[in-house]
PDB file of N, CA and C in Angstrom:
ATOM      1  N   MET A   1       0.918  -0.936  -0.074  1.00  0.00           N
ATOM      2  CA  MET A   1       0.092  -0.087   0.057  1.00  0.00           C
ATOM      3  C   MET A   1       0.737   1.122  -0.204  1.00  0.00           C
ATOM      4  N   ILE A   2       2.368   0.975   0.889  1.00  0.00           N
ATOM      5  CA  ILE A   2       2.897   2.032   0.924  1.00  0.00           C
ATOM      6  C   ILE A   2       3.416   2.811  -0.340  1.00  0.00           C
ATOM      7  N   ARG A   3       3.740   1.231  -1.265  1.00  0.00           N
ATOM      8  CA  ARG A   3       4.284   1.696  -2.752  1.00  0.00           C
ATOM      9  C   ARG A   3       3.471   1.684  -3.611  1.00  0.00           C
ATOM     10  N   ARG A   4       2.093   1.681  -3.229  1.00  0.00           N
ATOM     11  CA  ARG A   4       1.052   1.897  -4.310  1.00  0.00           C
ATOM     12  C   ARG A   4       0.679   0.803  -4.919  1.00  0.00           C
ATOM     13  N   GLU A   5       1.219  -0.503  -4.569  1.00  0.00           N
ATOM     14  CA  GLU A   5       0.975  -1.548  -5.544  1.00  0.00           C
ATOM     15  C   GLU A   5      -0.366  -2.248  -5.176  1.00  0.00           C
ATOM     16  N   ILE A   6      -0.812  -1.841  -3.837  1.00  0.00           N
ATOM     17  CA  ILE A   6      -2.299  -2.561  -3.413  1.00  0.00           C
ATOM     18  C   ILE A   6      -2.866  -1.366  -3.467  1.00  0.00           C
ATOM     19  N   PRO A   7      -4.200  -1.072  -3.944  1.00  0.00           N
ATOM     20  CA  PRO A   7      -4.820  -0.131  -3.939  1.00  0.00           C
ATOM     21  C   PRO A   7      -5.571   0.105  -2.430  1.00  0.00           C
ATOM     22  N   SER A   8      -5.601   1.827  -1.943  1.00  0.00           N
ATOM     23  CA  SER A   8      -6.071   1.747  -0.861  1.00  0.00           C
ATOM     24  C   SER A   8      -6.623   3.245  -0.593  1.00  0.00           C
ATOM     25  N   PHE A   9      -7.775   3.369  -0.083  1.00  0.00           N
ATOM     26  CA  PHE A   9      -8.289   4.721   0.444  1.00  0.00           C
ATOM     27  C   PHE A   9      -7.493   5.521   1.595  1.00  0.00           C
ATOM     28  N   LYS A  10      -6.351   6.383   0.885  1.00  0.00           N
ATOM     29  CA  LYS A  10      -5.500   6.982   1.818  1.00  0.00           C
ATOM     30  C   LYS A  10      -6.172   8.263   2.880  1.00  0.00           C
ATOM     31  N   LEU A  11      -5.752   7.964   4.037  1.00  0.00           N
ATOM     32  CA  LEU A  11      -6.447   9.464   4.838  1.00  0.00           C
ATOM     33  C   LEU A  11      -5.233  10.080   4.900  1.00  0.00           C
ATOM     34  N   VAL A  12      -4.163   9.987   6.310  1.00  0.00           N
ATOM     35  CA  VAL A  12      -3.119  10.926   6.264  1.00  0.00           C
ATOM     36  C   VAL A  12      -1.834  10.251   5.872  1.00  0.00           C
ATOM     37  N   GLU A  13      -0.699  10.581   5.355  1.00  0.00           N
ATOM     38  CA  GLU A  13       0.453   9.897   5.435  1.00  0.00           C
ATOM     39  C   GLU A  13       1.458  11.200   5.720  1.00  0.00           C
ATOM     40  N   THR A  14       2.517  10.716   6.660  1.00  0.00           N
ATOM     41  CA  THR A  14       3.678  11.532   6.635  1.00  0.00           C
ATOM     42  C   THR A  14       4.698  10.616   6.389  1.00  0.00           C
ATOM     43  N   GLU A  15       6.051  10.770   6.582  1.00  0.00           N
ATOM     44  CA  GLU A  15       7.220  10.590   6.223  1.00  0.00           C
ATOM     45  C   GLU A  15       7.412   9.383   6.623  1.00  0.00           C
ATOM     46  N   LEU A  16       6.779   9.264   7.697  1.00  0.00           N
ATOM     47  CA  LEU A  16       6.944   7.760   8.515  1.00  0.00           C
ATOM     48  C   LEU A  16       5.841   6.929   8.811  1.00  0.00           C
ATOM     49  N   SER A  17       4.508   7.549   8.505  1.00  0.00           N
ATOM     50  CA  SER A  17       3.325   6.426   8.538  1.00  0.00           C
ATOM     51  C   SER A  17       2.487   6.767   7.359  1.00  0.00           C
ATOM     52  N   TYR A  18       1.468   5.649   6.991  1.00  0.00           N
ATOM     53  CA  TYR A  18       0.437   5.814   6.216  1.00  0.00           C
ATOM     54  C   TYR A  18      -0.690   5.320   6.934  1.00  0.00           C
ATOM     55  N   SER A  19      -1.921   6.079   6.744  1.00  0.00           N
ATOM     56  CA  SER A  19      -3.200   5.180   7.131  1.00  0.00           C
ATOM     57  C   SER A  19      -3.965   5.480   5.993  1.00  0.00           C
ATOM     58  N   PHE A  20      -5.281   4.389   5.984  1.00  0.00           N
ATOM     59  CA  PHE A  20      -5.974   4.404   5.285  1.00  0.00           C
ATOM     60  C   PHE A  20      -7.269   3.818   5.771  1.00  0.00           C
ATOM     61  N   LEU A  21      -8.549   3.689   5.216  1.00  0.00           N
ATOM     62  CA  LEU A  21      -9.666   2.932   5.470  1.00  0.00           C
ATOM     63  C   LEU A  21      -9.393   1.261   5.552  1.00  0.00           C
ATOM     64  N   ASP A  22     -10.011   0.597   6.473  1.00  0.00           N
ATOM     65  CA  ASP A  22      -9.979  -0.966   6.353  1.00  0.00           C
ATOM     66  C   ASP A  22     -10.727  -1.352   5.307  1.00  0.00           C
ATOM     67  N   ILE A  23     -10.496  -2.356   4.472  1.00  0.00           N
ATOM     68  CA  ILE A  23     -11.435  -2.835   3.399  1.00  0.00           C
ATOM     69  C   ILE A  23     -11.976  -3.870   4.411  1.00  0.00           C
ATOM     70  N   GLY A  24     -11.916  -4.271   5.215  1.00  0.00           N
ATOM     71  CA  GLY A  24     -13.053  -5.543   6.329  1.00  0.00           C
ATOM     72  C   GLY A  24     -13.063  -4.672   7.636  1.00  0.00           C
ATOM     73  N   PRO A  25     -13.905  -3.746   7.097  1.00  0.00           N
ATOM     74  CA  PRO A  25     -14.382  -2.517   8.472  1.00  0.00           C
ATOM     75  C   PRO A  25     -15.045  -3.698   9.436  1.00  0.00           C
ATOM     76  N   LEU A  26     -14.817  -3.150  10.977  1.00  0.00           N
ATOM     77  CA  LEU A  26     -15.835  -3.469  12.032  1.00  0.00           C
ATOM     78  C   LEU A  26     -16.822  -2.732  12.130  1.00  0.00           C
ATOM     79  N   SER A  27     -16.627  -1.524  11.759  1.00  0.00           N
ATOM     80  CA  SER A  27     -17.792  -0.533  11.683  1.00  0.00           C
ATOM     81  C   SER A  27     -17.144   0.419  10.726  1.00  0.00           C
ATOM     82  N   LYS A  28     -18.245   1.376  10.698  1.00  0.00           N
ATOM     83  CA  LYS A  28     -18.244   2.758   9.441  1.00  0.00           C
ATOM     84  C   LYS A  28     -16.793   3.766  10.149  1.00  0.00           C
ATOM     85  N   GLY A  29     -15.906   3.842   9.108  1.00  0.00           N
ATOM     86  CA  GLY A  29     -14.527   4.537   9.404  1.00  0.00           C
ATOM     87  C   GLY A  29     -13.452   3.912  10.146  1.00  0.00           C
ATOM     88  N   HIS A  30     -13.690   2.165  10.145  1.00  0.00           N
ATOM     89  CA  HIS A  30     -12.526   1.588  10.663  1.00  0.00           C
ATOM     90  C   HIS A  30     -11.185   1.755   9.732  1.00  0.00           C
ATOM     91  N   SER A  31     -10.175   1.966  10.475  1.00  0.00           N
ATOM     92  CA  SER A  31      -8.845   2.751   9.533  1.00  0.00           C
ATOM     93  C   SER A  31      -7.950   2.050  10.019  1.00  0.00           C
ATOM     94  N   VAL A  32      -7.076   2.016   9.281  1.00  0.00           N
ATOM     95  CA  VAL A  32      -5.228   1.311   9.809  1.00  0.00           C
ATOM     96  C   VAL A  32      -4.461   2.401   9.802  1.00  0.00           C
ATOM     97  N   ILE A  33      -3.402   2.559  10.540  1.00  0.00           N
ATOM     98  CA  ILE A  33      -2.171   3.161  10.420  1.00  0.00           C
ATOM     99  C   ILE A  33      -1.259   2.090  10.294  1.00  0.00           C
ATOM    100  N   ILE A  34      -0.103   2.207   9.197  1.00  0.00           N
ATOM    101  CA  ILE A  34       1.168   1.494   9.217  1.00  0.00           C
ATOM    102  C   ILE A  34       2.061   2.117   9.148  1.00  0.00           C
ATOM    103  N   PRO A  35       3.289   1.956   9.817  1.00  0.00           N
ATOM    104  CA  PRO A  35       4.471   2.389   9.939  1.00  0.00           C
ATOM    105  C   PRO A  35       5.152   1.860   8.724  1.00  0.00           C
ATOM    106  N   LYS A  36       5.946   3.044   7.817  1.00  0.00           N
ATOM    107  CA  LYS A  36       6.546   3.262   6.615  1.00  0.00           C
ATOM    108  C   LYS A  36       7.936   2.351   6.528  1.00  0.00           C
ATOM    109  N   TYR A  37       8.146   1.719   8.226  1.00  0.00           N
ATOM    110  CA  TYR A  37       9.524   0.487   8.490  1.00  0.00           C
ATOM    111  C   TYR A  37       8.797  -0.465   8.674  1.00  0.00           C
ATOM    112  N   HIS A  38       9.663  -1.719   7.978  1.00  0.00           N
ATOM    113  CA  HIS A  38       8.834  -3.117   8.108  1.00  0.00           C
ATOM    114  C   HIS A  38       9.486  -3.589   9.349  1.00  0.00           C
ATOM    115  N   ALA A  39       8.634  -3.894  10.330  1.00  0.00           N
ATOM    116  CA  ALA A  39       8.765  -4.622  11.434  1.00  0.00           C
ATOM    117  C   ALA A  39       7.519  -5.630  11.824  1.00  0.00           C
ATOM    118  N   GLN A  40       7.455  -6.952  12.385  1.00  0.00           N
ATOM    119  CA  GLN A  40       6.326  -7.918  12.569  1.00  0.00           C
ATOM    120  C   GLN A  40       5.884  -7.199  13.681  1.00  0.00           C
ATOM    121  N   LYS A  41       6.543  -7.544  15.016  1.00  0.00           N
ATOM    122  CA  LYS A  41       5.694  -6.603  16.293  1.00  0.00           C
ATOM    123  C   LYS A  41       6.390  -5.131  16.364  1.00  0.00           C
ATOM    124  N   MET A  42       5.804  -4.528  17.730  1.00  0.00           N
ATOM    125  CA  MET A  42       5.881  -3.294  18.181  1.00  0.00           C
ATOM    126  C   MET A  42       7.104  -3.038  18.554  1.00  0.00           C
ATOM    127  N   HIS A  43       7.672  -4.221  19.474  1.00  0.00           N
ATOM    128  CA  HIS A  43       8.585  -3.809  20.077  1.00  0.00           C
ATOM    129  C   HIS A  43      10.048  -4.195  19.337  1.00  0.00           C
ATOM    130  N   GLU A  44       9.816  -4.237  17.902  1.00  0.00           N
ATOM    131  CA  GLU A  44      11.201  -4.373  16.720  1.00  0.00           C
ATOM    132  C   GLU A  44      11.091  -2.978  16.076  1.00  0.00           C
ATOM    133  N   LEU A  45       9.992  -2.537  16.477  1.00  0.00           N
ATOM    134  CA  LEU A  45      10.155  -0.815  15.208  1.00  0.00           C
ATOM    135  C   LEU A  45      10.768  -0.162  15.816  1.00  0.00           C
ATOM    136  N   PRO A  46      11.385   1.015  15.702  1.00  0.00           N
ATOM    137  CA  PRO A  46      11.954   1.786  15.846  1.00  0.00           C
ATOM    138  C   PRO A  46      11.125   3.132  16.610  1.00  0.00           C
ATOM    139  N   GLU A  47      11.656   3.812  17.550  1.00  0.00           N
ATOM    140  CA  GLU A  47      10.827   4.518  18.430  1.00  0.00           C
ATOM    141  C   GLU A  47      10.294   5.867  17.516  1.00  0.00           C
ATOM    142  N   GLU A  48      11.019   6.497  16.775  1.00  0.00           N
ATOM    143  CA  GLU A  48      10.582   7.244  16.001  1.00  0.00           C
ATOM    144  C   GLU A  48       9.190   7.261  15.451  1.00  0.00           C
ATOM    145  N   TYR A  49       9.036   5.645  14.624  1.00  0.00           N
ATOM    146  CA  TYR A  49       7.983   5.332  14.198  1.00  0.00           C
ATOM    147  C   TYR A  49       6.512   5.117  15.048  1.00  0.00           C
ATOM    148  N   LEU A  50       7.137   4.893  16.261  1.00  0.00           N
ATOM    149  CA  LEU A  50       6.312   4.484  17.087  1.00  0.00           C
ATOM    150  C   LEU A  50       5.374   5.934  17.251  1.00  0.00           C
ATOM    151  N   ALA A  51       6.379   7.199  17.643  1.00  0.00           N
ATOM    152  CA  ALA A  51       6.237   8.520  17.903  1.00  0.00           C
ATOM    153  C   ALA A  51       5.099   8.808  16.819  1.00  0.00           C
ATOM    154  N   ASP A  52       5.472   8.689  16.079  1.00  0.00           N
ATOM    155  CA  ASP A  52       4.601   9.094  14.814  1.00  0.00           C
ATOM    156  C   ASP A  52       3.145   8.366  14.472  1.00  0.00           C
ATOM    157  N   ALA A  53       3.077   7.119  14.815  1.00  0.00           N
ATOM    158  CA  ALA A  53       1.810   6.440  14.567  1.00  0.00           C
ATOM    159  C   ALA A  53       0.390   6.893  15.431  1.00  0.00           C
ATOM    160  N   LEU A  54       0.728   7.373  16.689  1.00  0.00           N
ATOM    161  CA  LEU A  54      -0.385   7.667  17.445  1.00  0.00           C
ATOM    162  C   LEU A  54      -0.864   9.236  17.192  1.00  0.00           C
ATOM    163  N   PRO A  55      -0.003  10.015  16.794  1.00  0.00           N
ATOM    164  CA  PRO A  55      -0.715  11.035  16.360  1.00  0.00           C
ATOM    165  C   PRO A  55      -1.328  11.393  15.187  1.00  0.00           C
ATOM    166  N   VAL A  56      -1.225  10.336  14.258  1.00  0.00           N
ATOM    167  CA  VAL A  56      -1.960   9.851  13.323  1.00  0.00           C
ATOM    168  C   VAL A  56      -3.110   9.667  13.661  1.00  0.00           C
ATOM    169  N   ALA A  57      -2.843   8.425  14.424  1.00  0.00           N
ATOM    170  CA  ALA A  57      -4.307   7.590  14.764  1.00  0.00           C
ATOM    171  C   ALA A  57      -5.170   8.612  15.322  1.00  0.00           C
ATOM    172  N   ARG A  58      -4.703   9.773  16.268  1.00  0.00           N
ATOM    173  CA  ARG A  58      -5.356  10.793  17.125  1.00  0.00           C
ATOM    174  C   ARG A  58      -5.919  11.620  15.835  1.00  0.00           C
ATOM    175  N   LYS A  59      -5.465  11.890  14.699  1.00  0.00           N
ATOM    176  CA  LYS A  59      -5.933  13.095  13.652  1.00  0.00           C
ATOM    177  C   LYS A  59      -7.187  12.079  13.079  1.00  0.00           C
ATOM    178  N   VAL A  60      -6.909  10.679  12.704  1.00  0.00           N
ATOM    179  CA  VAL A  60      -7.751   9.986  12.289  1.00  0.00           C
ATOM    180  C   VAL A  60      -9.099   9.863  13.458  1.00  0.00           C
ATOM    181  N   ALA A  61      -8.834   9.791  14.479  1.00  0.00           N
ATOM    182  CA  ALA A  61      -9.928   9.817  15.314  1.00  0.00           C
ATOM    183  C   ALA A  61     -11.012  10.617  15.359  1.00  0.00           C
ATOM    184  N   LEU A  62     -10.045  11.945  15.446  1.00  0.00           N
ATOM    185  CA  LEU A  62     -11.115  13.073  15.429  1.00  0.00           C
ATOM    186  C   LEU A  62     -11.659  13.662  14.257  1.00  0.00           C
ATOM    187  N   ALA A  63     -10.962  13.155  12.835  1.00  0.00           N
ATOM    188  CA  ALA A  63     -11.742  13.402  11.685  1.00  0.00           C
ATOM    189  C   ALA A  63     -12.945  12.724  11.606  1.00  0.00           C
ATOM    190  N   LEU A  64     -12.852  11.416  12.283  1.00  0.00           N
ATOM    191  CA  LEU A  64     -14.613  10.210  12.141  1.00  0.00           C
ATOM    192  C   LEU A  64     -14.941  10.725  13.020  1.00  0.00           C
ATOM    193  N   GLY A  65     -14.820  11.785  14.144  1.00  0.00           N
ATOM    194  CA  GLY A  65     -15.879  12.607  15.288  1.00  0.00           C
ATOM    195  C   GLY A  65     -16.504  11.305  16.146  1.00  0.00           C
ATOM    196  N   CYS A  66     -15.880  10.480  16.157  1.00  0.00           N
ATOM    197  CA  CYS A  66     -16.725   9.099  16.944  1.00  0.00           C
ATOM    198  C   CYS A  66     -16.464   9.486  18.677  1.00  0.00           C
ATOM    199  N   GLU A  67     -17.361   9.694  19.293  1.00  0.00           N
ATOM    200  CA  GLU A  67     -17.091   9.600  20.663  1.00  0.00           C
ATOM    201  C   GLU A  67     -16.373   8.475  21.356  1.00  0.00           C
ATOM    202  N   ASP A  68     -16.902   7.452  20.629  1.00  0.00           N
ATOM    203  CA  ASP A  68     -16.250   5.898  21.401  1.00  0.00           C
ATOM    204  C   ASP A  68     -15.570   5.204  20.520  1.00  0.00           C
ATOM    205  N   TYR A  69     -14.173   4.793  20.813  1.00  0.00           N
ATOM    206  CA  TYR A  69     -13.416   4.136  19.662  1.00  0.00           C
ATOM    207  C   TYR A  69     -12.458   3.108  20.238  1.00  0.00           C
ATOM    208  N   ASN A  70     -11.611   2.479  19.801  1.00  0.00           N
ATOM    209  CA  ASN A  70     -10.690   1.730  20.433  1.00  0.00           C
ATOM    210  C   ASN A  70      -9.287   1.688  19.202  1.00  0.00           C
ATOM    211  N   VAL A  71      -8.311   2.063  19.916  1.00  0.00           N
ATOM    212  CA  VAL A  71      -7.144   1.701  18.966  1.00  0.00           C
ATOM    213  C   VAL A  71      -6.294   0.592  19.676  1.00  0.00           C
ATOM    214  N   LEU A  72      -5.876  -0.210  18.146  1.00  0.00           N
ATOM    215  CA  LEU A  72      -5.837  -1.804  18.314  1.00  0.00           C
ATOM    216  C   LEU A  72      -4.125  -2.089  17.852  1.00  0.00           C
ATOM    217  N   GLN A  73      -3.699  -2.965  18.522  1.00  0.00           N
ATOM    218  CA  GLN A  73      -2.513  -3.123  17.792  1.00  0.00           C
ATOM    219  C   GLN A  73      -2.038  -4.373  18.380  1.00  0.00           C
ATOM    220  N   ASN A  74      -1.703  -5.727  17.634  1.00  0.00           N
ATOM    221  CA  ASN A  74      -1.908  -7.032  17.989  1.00  0.00           C
ATOM    222  C   ASN A  74      -0.224  -7.426  17.281  1.00  0.00           C
ATOM    223  N   ASN A  75       0.407  -8.111  18.513  1.00  0.00           N
ATOM    224  CA  ASN A  75       1.536  -8.855  18.296  1.00  0.00           C
ATOM    225  C   ASN A  75       1.612 -10.318  18.371  1.00  0.00           C
ATOM    226  N   GLY A  76       1.947 -10.898  17.239  1.00  0.00           N
ATOM    227  CA  GLY A  76       1.908 -12.409  17.415  1.00  0.00           C
ATOM    228  C   GLY A  76       0.456 -13.261  16.817  1.00  0.00           C
ATOM    229  N   ARG A  77       0.505 -14.368  16.667  1.00  0.00           N
ATOM    230  CA  ARG A  77      -0.467 -14.949  15.893  1.00  0.00           C
ATOM    231  C   ARG A  77      -1.286 -15.327  17.417  1.00  0.00           C
ATOM    232  N   LEU A  78      -0.673 -15.724  18.203  1.00  0.00           N
ATOM    233  CA  LEU A  78      -2.094 -16.095  19.569  1.00  0.00           C
ATOM    234  C   LEU A  78      -2.737 -14.638  20.084  1.00  0.00           C
ATOM    235  N   ALA A  79      -1.886 -13.343  19.906  1.00  0.00           N
ATOM    236  CA  ALA A  79      -2.436 -11.963  20.221  1.00  0.00           C
ATOM    237  C   ALA A  79      -3.457 -11.796  19.143  1.00  0.00           C
ATOM    238  N   GLN A  80      -3.677 -12.619  18.088  1.00  0.00           N
ATOM    239  CA  GLN A  80      -4.677 -12.450  17.122  1.00  0.00           C
ATOM    240  C   GLN A  80      -4.001 -11.536  15.775  1.00  0.00           C
ATOM    241  N   GLN A  81      -2.644 -11.369  15.675  1.00  0.00           N
ATOM    242  CA  GLN A  81      -2.115 -10.510  14.812  1.00  0.00           C
ATOM    243  C   GLN A  81      -1.868 -11.640  13.236  1.00  0.00           C
ATOM    244  N   GLU A  82      -2.663 -10.780  12.327  1.00  0.00           N
ATOM    245  CA  GLU A  82      -3.172 -11.565  10.500  1.00  0.00           C
ATOM    246  C   GLU A  82      -1.852 -10.914   9.765  1.00  0.00           C
ATOM    247  N   VAL A  83      -1.384  -9.877   9.976  1.00  0.00           N
ATOM    248  CA  VAL A  83      -0.672  -9.624   9.051  1.00  0.00           C
ATOM    249  C   VAL A  83       1.031  -9.396   9.716  1.00  0.00           C
ATOM    250  N   ASP A  84       1.599  -9.512   9.134  1.00  0.00           N
ATOM    251  CA  ASP A  84       3.087  -9.786   9.573  1.00  0.00           C
ATOM    252  C   ASP A  84       3.962  -8.347   9.501  1.00  0.00           C
ATOM    253  N   HIS A  85       3.160  -7.245   9.709  1.00  0.00           N
ATOM    254  CA  HIS A  85       3.420  -5.739   9.736  1.00  0.00           C
ATOM    255  C   HIS A  85       2.947  -5.211  10.911  1.00  0.00           C
ATOM    256  N   VAL A  86       3.745  -4.439  11.645  1.00  0.00           N
ATOM    257  CA  VAL A  86       2.889  -3.543  12.787  1.00  0.00           C
ATOM    258  C   VAL A  86       1.952  -2.629  11.905  1.00  0.00           C
ATOM    259  N   HIS A  87       1.059  -2.483  12.599  1.00  0.00           N
ATOM    260  CA  HIS A  87      -0.555  -1.513  12.078  1.00  0.00           C
ATOM    261  C   HIS A  87      -1.185  -1.480  13.735  1.00  0.00           C
ATOM    262  N   PHE A  88      -1.993  -0.399  13.389  1.00  0.00           N
ATOM    263  CA  PHE A  88      -2.689   0.368  14.480  1.00  0.00           C
ATOM    264  C   PHE A  88      -4.101   0.328  13.861  1.00  0.00           C
ATOM    265  N   HIS A  89      -5.144  -0.037  14.406  1.00  0.00           N
ATOM    266  CA  HIS A  89      -6.325  -0.035  14.075  1.00  0.00           C
ATOM    267  C   HIS A  89      -7.037   0.905  14.699  1.00  0.00           C
ATOM    268  N   VAL A  90      -7.766   2.007  14.105  1.00  0.00           N
ATOM    269  CA  VAL A  90      -8.729   3.046  14.738  1.00  0.00           C
ATOM    270  C   VAL A  90     -10.055   2.263  14.420  1.00  0.00           C
ATOM    271  N   ILE A  91     -10.711   2.260  15.406  1.00  0.00           N
ATOM    272  CA  ILE A  91     -12.182   1.477  15.417  1.00  0.00           C
ATOM    273  C   ILE A  91     -13.523   2.065  15.888  1.00  0.00           C
ATOM    274  N   PRO A  92     -13.932   3.001  15.616  1.00  0.00           N
ATOM    275  CA  PRO A  92     -15.206   3.138  15.982  1.00  0.00           C
ATOM    276  C   PRO A  92     -16.446   2.737  16.569  1.00  0.00           C
ATOM    277  N   LYS A  93     -16.661   2.753  17.903  1.00  0.00           N
ATOM    278  CA  LYS A  93     -17.651   1.927  18.707  1.00  0.00           C
ATOM    279  C   LYS A  93     -18.971   2.989  18.392  1.00  0.00           C
ATOM    280  N   PRO A  94     -19.589   2.803  17.391  1.00  0.00           N
ATOM    281  CA  PRO A  94     -20.986   3.630  17.672  1.00  0.00           C
ATOM    282  C   PRO A  94     -22.100   2.926  18.767  1.00  0.00           C
ATOM    283  N   ASN A  95     -22.019   1.814  18.964  1.00  0.00           N
ATOM    284  CA  ASN A  95     -23.115   0.995  19.445  1.00  0.00           C
ATOM    285  C   ASN A  95     -22.502  -0.151  19.897  1.00  0.00           C
ATOM    286  N   ALA A  96     -23.608  -1.038  21.019  1.00  0.00           N
ATOM    287  CA  ALA A  96     -23.067  -2.138  21.427  1.00  0.00           C
ATOM    288  C   ALA A  96     -22.599  -3.349  20.519  1.00  0.00           C
ATOM    289  N   GLU A  97     -23.107  -3.372  19.069  1.00  0.00           N
ATOM    290  CA  GLU A  97     -23.189  -4.428  18.210  1.00  0.00           C
ATOM    291  C   GLU A  97     -22.215  -4.097  17.095  1.00  0.00           C
ATOM    292  N   GLU A  98     -21.515  -2.959  16.905  1.00  0.00           N
ATOM    293  CA  GLU A  98     -20.610  -2.654  15.985  1.00  0.00           C
ATOM    294  C   GLU A  98     -19.476  -2.064  16.566  1.00  0.00           C
ATOM    295  N   GLY A  99     -18.411  -2.637  15.606  1.00  0.00           N
ATOM    296  CA  GLY A  99     -17.021  -2.134  16.165  1.00  0.00           C
ATOM    297  C   GLY A  99     -16.384  -3.242  16.901  1.00  0.00           C
ATOM    298  N   LEU A 100     -15.143  -2.992  17.587  1.00  0.00           N
ATOM    299  CA  LEU A 100     -14.490  -4.179  18.421  1.00  0.00           C
ATOM    300  C   LEU A 100     -15.081  -4.492  19.415  1.00  0.00           C
ATOM    301  N   ILE A 101     -15.480  -5.958  19.261  1.00  0.00           N
ATOM    302  CA  ILE A 101     -16.423  -6.845  20.705  1.00  0.00           C
ATOM    303  C   ILE A 101     -15.282  -7.718  21.570  1.00  0.00           C
ATOM    304  N   ILE A 102     -15.125  -7.314  22.587  1.00  0.00           N
ATOM    305  CA  ILE A 102     -13.814  -8.381  23.327  1.00  0.00           C
ATOM    306  C   ILE A 102     -14.284  -8.669  24.636  1.00  0.00           C
ATOM    307  N   GLY A 103     -13.688  -9.767  24.801  1.00  0.00           N
ATOM    308  CA  GLY A 103     -13.974 -10.238  26.231  1.00  0.00           C
ATOM    309  C   GLY A 103     -12.687  -9.669  27.014  1.00  0.00           C
ATOM    310  N   TRP A 104     -12.854  -9.554  28.251  1.00  0.00           N
ATOM    311  CA  TRP A 104     -11.869  -9.212  29.138  1.00  0.00           C
ATOM    312  C   TRP A 104     -11.701  -9.831  30.435  1.00  0.00           C
ATOM    313  N   PRO A 105     -10.927 -11.316  30.142  1.00  0.00           N
ATOM    314  CA  PRO A 105     -11.096 -12.563  31.046  1.00  0.00           C
ATOM    315  C   PRO A 105     -10.330 -11.844  32.446  1.00  0.00           C
ATOM    316  N   SER A 106     -10.170 -11.146  33.310  1.00  0.00           N
ATOM    317  CA  SER A 106      -9.525 -10.659  34.170  1.00  0.00           C
ATOM    318  C   SER A 106      -9.725 -11.731  35.404  1.00  0.00           C
ATOM    319  N   LYS A 107      -8.614 -11.372  36.147  1.00  0.00           N
ATOM    320  CA  LYS A 107      -8.179 -12.463  37.281  1.00  0.00           C
ATOM    321  C   LYS A 107      -7.780 -11.582  38.466  1.00  0.00           C
ATOM    322  N   LYS A 108      -7.992 -12.297  39.251  1.00  0.00           N
ATOM    323  CA  LYS A 108      -7.530 -11.313  40.856  1.00  0.00           C
ATOM    324  C   LYS A 108      -5.986 -11.910  40.938  1.00  0.00           C
ATOM    325  N   ALA A 109      -5.285 -10.804  41.213  1.00  0.00           N
ATOM    326  CA  ALA A 109      -3.716 -10.754  41.497  1.00  0.00           C
ATOM    327  C   ALA A 109      -3.335 -11.327  42.567  1.00  0.00           C
ATOM    328  N   ASP A 110      -2.310 -11.924  42.742  1.00  0.00           N
ATOM    329  CA  ASP A 110      -2.125 -12.449  44.178  1.00  0.00           C
ATOM    330  C   ASP A 110      -0.655 -11.363  44.536  1.00  0.00           C
ATOM    331  N   MET A 111      -0.920 -10.675  45.390  1.00  0.00           N
ATOM    332  CA  MET A 111      -0.286  -9.100  45.662  1.00  0.00           C
ATOM    333  C   MET A 111       1.115  -9.650  45.789  1.00  0.00           C
ATOM    334  N   GLY A 112       1.991 -10.579  46.323  1.00  0.00           N
ATOM    335  CA  GLY A 112       3.001 -11.058  46.719  1.00  0.00           C
ATOM    336  C   GLY A 112       3.692 -11.399  45.253  1.00  0.00           C
ATOM    337  N   GLU A 113       2.527 -11.931  44.571  1.00  0.00           N
ATOM    338  CA  GLU A 113       3.532 -12.361  43.190  1.00  0.00           C
ATOM    339  C   GLU A 113       3.610 -10.907  42.388  1.00  0.00           C
ATOM    340  N   LEU A 114       2.511 -10.210  42.618  1.00  0.00           N
ATOM    341  CA  LEU A 114       2.669  -8.685  41.622  1.00  0.00           C
ATOM    342  C   LEU A 114       3.656  -7.928  42.047  1.00  0.00           C
ATOM    343  N   LYS A 115       4.047  -8.062  43.312  1.00  0.00           N
ATOM    344  CA  LYS A 115       4.967  -7.379  43.736  1.00  0.00           C
ATOM    345  C   LYS A 115       6.383  -7.812  43.084  1.00  0.00           C
ATOM    346  N   LYS A 116       6.438  -9.381  43.346  1.00  0.00           N
ATOM    347  CA  LYS A 116       7.990  -9.584  42.594  1.00  0.00           C
ATOM    348  C   LYS A 116       8.195  -9.429  41.056  1.00  0.00           C
ATOM    349  N   LEU A 117       6.982  -9.586  40.562  1.00  0.00           N
ATOM    350  CA  LEU A 117       6.873  -9.235  38.974  1.00  0.00           C
ATOM    351  C   LEU A 117       7.207  -7.877  39.158  1.00  0.00           C
ATOM    352  N   HIS A 118       6.598  -6.572  39.815  1.00  0.00           N
ATOM    353  CA  HIS A 118       6.803  -5.639  39.567  1.00  0.00           C
ATOM    354  C   HIS A 118       8.619  -5.124  39.575  1.00  0.00           C
ATOM    355  N   GLU A 119       9.119  -5.852  40.848  1.00  0.00           N
ATOM    356  CA  GLU A 119      10.796  -5.855  40.821  1.00  0.00           C
ATOM    357  C   GLU A 119      11.346  -6.217  39.923  1.00  0.00           C
ATOM    358  N   GLU A 120      11.452  -7.327  39.380  1.00  0.00           N
ATOM    359  CA  GLU A 120      11.908  -7.782  38.223  1.00  0.00           C
ATOM    360  C   GLU A 120      11.843  -6.824  36.891  1.00  0.00           C
ATOM    361  N   LEU A 121      10.606  -6.242  36.845  1.00  0.00           N
ATOM    362  CA  LEU A 121      10.491  -5.317  35.547  1.00  0.00           C
ATOM    363  C   LEU A 121      11.426  -4.025  35.794  1.00  0.00           C
ATOM    364  N   VAL A 122      11.146  -3.687  36.904  1.00  0.00           N
ATOM    365  CA  VAL A 122      11.669  -2.500  37.028  1.00  0.00           C
ATOM    366  C   VAL A 122      13.288  -2.287  36.995  1.00  0.00           C
ATOM    367  N   ALA A 123      13.718  -3.729  37.524  1.00  0.00           N
ATOM    368  CA  ALA A 123      15.216  -3.801  37.413  1.00  0.00           C
ATOM    369  C   ALA A 123      15.477  -3.835  36.018  1.00  0.00           C
ATOM    370  N   LYS A 124      14.779  -4.222  35.019  1.00  0.00           N
ATOM    371  CA  LYS A 124      15.055  -4.482  33.516  1.00  0.00           C
ATOM    372  C   LYS A 124      14.983  -3.132  32.908  1.00  0.00           C
ATOM    373  N   LEU A 125      13.939  -1.812  33.299  1.00  0.00           N
ATOM    374  CA  LEU A 125      13.728  -0.745  32.828  1.00  0.00           C
ATOM    375  C   LEU A 125      14.585   0.029  33.491  1.00  0.00           C
TER     376      LEU A 125
END
């Protein structure tokens, strides 16, 4: 799409990002933002591309004028990634039936385990 080999309905293009309307939308206005750097997963993407993508997503969300919406980015097959290139979805949520529909199977955290994990992560950050 970036090389114009696949047709798309372009919305916003910057030096680092390209956005367009999704051809399999979950709701009217469902859009995609793709970095112009090839990386399969978000952690493989240089920071300047990440820093560019969310302002583009914001512009698209504002242009859509939707009050409720999701910004979605998946990494890996188990996480529902189907295209092996980092991309962000802006998905308007006009009502309960349209847009992204997800479950959130949260669990009660063990505070001791959470504290240990926190210490491990802080040491790595």
